[in-house]
Amino acid sequence: NTTANVTLMIVNPTSQQNCKGNKYERRIH
């Protein structure tokens, strides 16, 4: 899910480059 992570980082700089960070970011939203 590297591409998805990069896209999330571009859209939301708060999201981390980690799968865990991605899950946390999704939980927030």
PDB file of N, CA and C in Angstrom:
ATOM      1  N   ASN A   1       0.856  -1.210   0.000  1.00  0.00           N
ATOM      2  CA  ASN A   1       0.000   0.000   0.000  1.00  0.00           C
ATOM      3  C   ASN A   1       0.884   1.250   0.000  1.00  0.00           C
ATOM      4  N   THR A   2       2.039   1.170  -0.625  1.00  0.00           N
ATOM      5  CA  THR A   2       2.945   2.324  -0.616  1.00  0.00           C
ATOM      6  C   THR A   2       2.331   3.485  -1.396  1.00  0.00           C
ATOM      7  N   THR A   3       1.757   3.197  -2.543  1.00  0.00           N
ATOM      8  CA  THR A   3       1.175   4.274  -3.348  1.00  0.00           C
ATOM      9  C   THR A   3       0.048   4.952  -2.582  1.00  0.00           C
ATOM     10  N   ALA A   4      -0.812   4.163  -1.972  1.00  0.00           N
ATOM     11  CA  ALA A   4      -1.923   4.742  -1.207  1.00  0.00           C
ATOM     12  C   ALA A   4      -1.382   5.600  -0.071  1.00  0.00           C
ATOM     13  N   ASN A   5      -0.328   5.122   0.584  1.00  0.00           N
ATOM     14  CA  ASN A   5       0.256   5.896   1.677  1.00  0.00           C
ATOM     15  C   ASN A   5       0.792   7.226   1.168  1.00  0.00           C
ATOM     16  N   VAL A   6       1.473   7.202   0.037  1.00  0.00           N
ATOM     17  CA  VAL A   6       2.022   8.448  -0.519  1.00  0.00           C
ATOM     18  C   VAL A   6       0.889   9.405  -0.851  1.00  0.00           C
ATOM     19  N   THR A   7      -0.168   8.891  -1.475  1.00  0.00           N
ATOM     20  CA  THR A   7      -1.293   9.755  -1.817  1.00  0.00           C
ATOM     21  C   THR A   7      -1.901  10.352  -0.556  1.00  0.00           C
ATOM     22  N   LEU A   8      -2.068   9.530   0.480  1.00  0.00           N
ATOM     23  CA  LEU A   8      -2.622  10.041   1.735  1.00  0.00           C
ATOM     24  C   LEU A   8      -1.718  11.119   2.301  1.00  0.00           C
ATOM     25  N   MET A   9      -0.411  10.890   2.231  1.00  0.00           N
ATOM     26  CA  MET A   9       0.529  11.880   2.770  1.00  0.00           C
ATOM     27  C   MET A   9       0.393  13.195   2.003  1.00  0.00           C
ATOM     28  N   ILE A  10       0.216  13.113   0.688  1.00  0.00           N
ATOM     29  CA  ILE A  10       0.084  14.346  -0.108  1.00  0.00           C
ATOM     30  C   ILE A  10      -1.214  15.047   0.281  1.00  0.00           C
ATOM     31  N   VAL A  11      -2.289  14.289   0.416  1.00  0.00           N
ATOM     32  CA  VAL A  11      -3.581  14.888   0.764  1.00  0.00           C
ATOM     33  C   VAL A  11      -3.570  15.345   2.222  1.00  0.00           C
ATOM     34  N   ASN A  12      -3.071  14.484   3.106  1.00  0.00           N
ATOM     35  CA  ASN A  12      -3.054  14.807   4.535  1.00  0.00           C
ATOM     36  C   ASN A  12      -1.644  14.622   5.069  1.00  0.00           C
ATOM     37  N   PRO A  13      -0.878  15.691   5.227  1.00  0.00           N
ATOM     38  CA  PRO A  13       0.493  15.562   5.746  1.00  0.00           C
ATOM     39  C   PRO A  13       0.515  14.950   7.142  1.00  0.00           C
ATOM     40  N   THR A  14      -0.640  14.948   7.827  1.00  0.00           N
ATOM     41  CA  THR A  14      -0.672  14.383   9.180  1.00  0.00           C
ATOM     42  C   THR A  14      -0.492  12.871   9.143  1.00  0.00           C
ATOM     43  N   SER A  15      -0.941  12.236   8.054  1.00  0.00           N
ATOM     44  CA  SER A  15      -0.801  10.780   7.958  1.00  0.00           C
ATOM     45  C   SER A  15       0.670  10.396   7.866  1.00  0.00           C
ATOM     46  N   GLN A  16       1.015   9.264   8.463  1.00  0.00           N
ATOM     47  CA  GLN A  16       2.412   8.834   8.478  1.00  0.00           C
ATOM     48  C   GLN A  16       2.668   7.859   7.339  1.00  0.00           C
ATOM     49  N   GLN A  17       3.962   7.597   7.041  1.00  0.00           N
ATOM     50  CA  GLN A  17       4.324   6.668   5.972  1.00  0.00           C
ATOM     51  C   GLN A  17       4.257   5.227   6.482  1.00  0.00           C
ATOM     52  N   ASN A  18       3.396   4.976   7.455  1.00  0.00           N
ATOM     53  CA  ASN A  18       3.316   3.635   8.030  1.00  0.00           C
ATOM     54  C   ASN A  18       1.925   3.070   7.792  1.00  0.00           C
ATOM     55  N   CYS A  19       1.816   1.781   7.609  1.00  0.00           N
ATOM     56  CA  CYS A  19       0.499   1.158   7.458  1.00  0.00           C
ATOM     57  C   CYS A  19      -0.331   1.440   8.703  1.00  0.00           C
ATOM     58  N   LYS A  20       0.323   1.395   9.880  1.00  0.00           N
ATOM     59  CA  LYS A  20      -0.395   1.696  11.115  1.00  0.00           C
ATOM     60  C   LYS A  20      -0.892   3.140  11.101  1.00  0.00           C
ATOM     61  N   GLY A  21      -0.019   4.055  10.662  1.00  0.00           N
ATOM     62  CA  GLY A  21      -0.426   5.452  10.589  1.00  0.00           C
ATOM     63  C   GLY A  21      -1.607   5.610   9.640  1.00  0.00           C
ATOM     64  N   ASN A  22      -1.592   4.848   8.525  1.00  0.00           N
ATOM     65  CA  ASN A  22      -2.685   4.902   7.577  1.00  0.00           C
ATOM     66  C   ASN A  22      -3.979   4.481   8.263  1.00  0.00           C
ATOM     67  N   LYS A  23      -3.928   3.406   9.058  1.00  0.00           N
ATOM     68  CA  LYS A  23      -5.127   2.941   9.749  1.00  0.00           C
ATOM     69  C   LYS A  23      -5.601   3.990  10.752  1.00  0.00           C
ATOM     70  N   TYR A  24      -4.653   4.597  11.467  1.00  0.00           N
ATOM     71  CA  TYR A  24      -5.032   5.629  12.429  1.00  0.00           C
ATOM     72  C   TYR A  24      -5.698   6.797  11.701  1.00  0.00           C
ATOM     73  N   GLU A  25      -5.112   7.187  10.565  1.00  0.00           N
ATOM     74  CA  GLU A  25      -5.659   8.306   9.800  1.00  0.00           C
ATOM     75  C   GLU A  25      -7.080   7.980   9.357  1.00  0.00           C
ATOM     76  N   ARG A  26      -7.293   6.741   8.934  1.00  0.00           N
ATOM     77  CA  ARG A  26      -8.642   6.353   8.490  1.00  0.00           C
ATOM     78  C   ARG A  26      -9.603   6.389   9.672  1.00  0.00           C
ATOM     79  N   ARG A  27      -9.134   6.007  10.848  1.00  0.00           N
ATOM     80  CA  ARG A  27     -10.004   6.030  12.024  1.00  0.00           C
ATOM     81  C   ARG A  27     -10.431   7.457  12.340  1.00  0.00           C
ATOM     82  N   ILE A  28      -9.488   8.398  12.216  1.00  0.00           N
ATOM     83  CA  ILE A  28      -9.814   9.795  12.516  1.00  0.00           C
ATOM     84  C   ILE A  28     -10.926  10.273  11.588  1.00  0.00           C
ATOM     85  N   HIS A  29     -10.848   9.878  10.325  1.00  0.00           N
ATOM     86  CA  HIS A  29     -11.872  10.321   9.375  1.00  0.00           C
ATOM     87  C   HIS A  29     -13.040   9.350   9.398  1.00  0.00           C
TER      88      HIS A  29
END
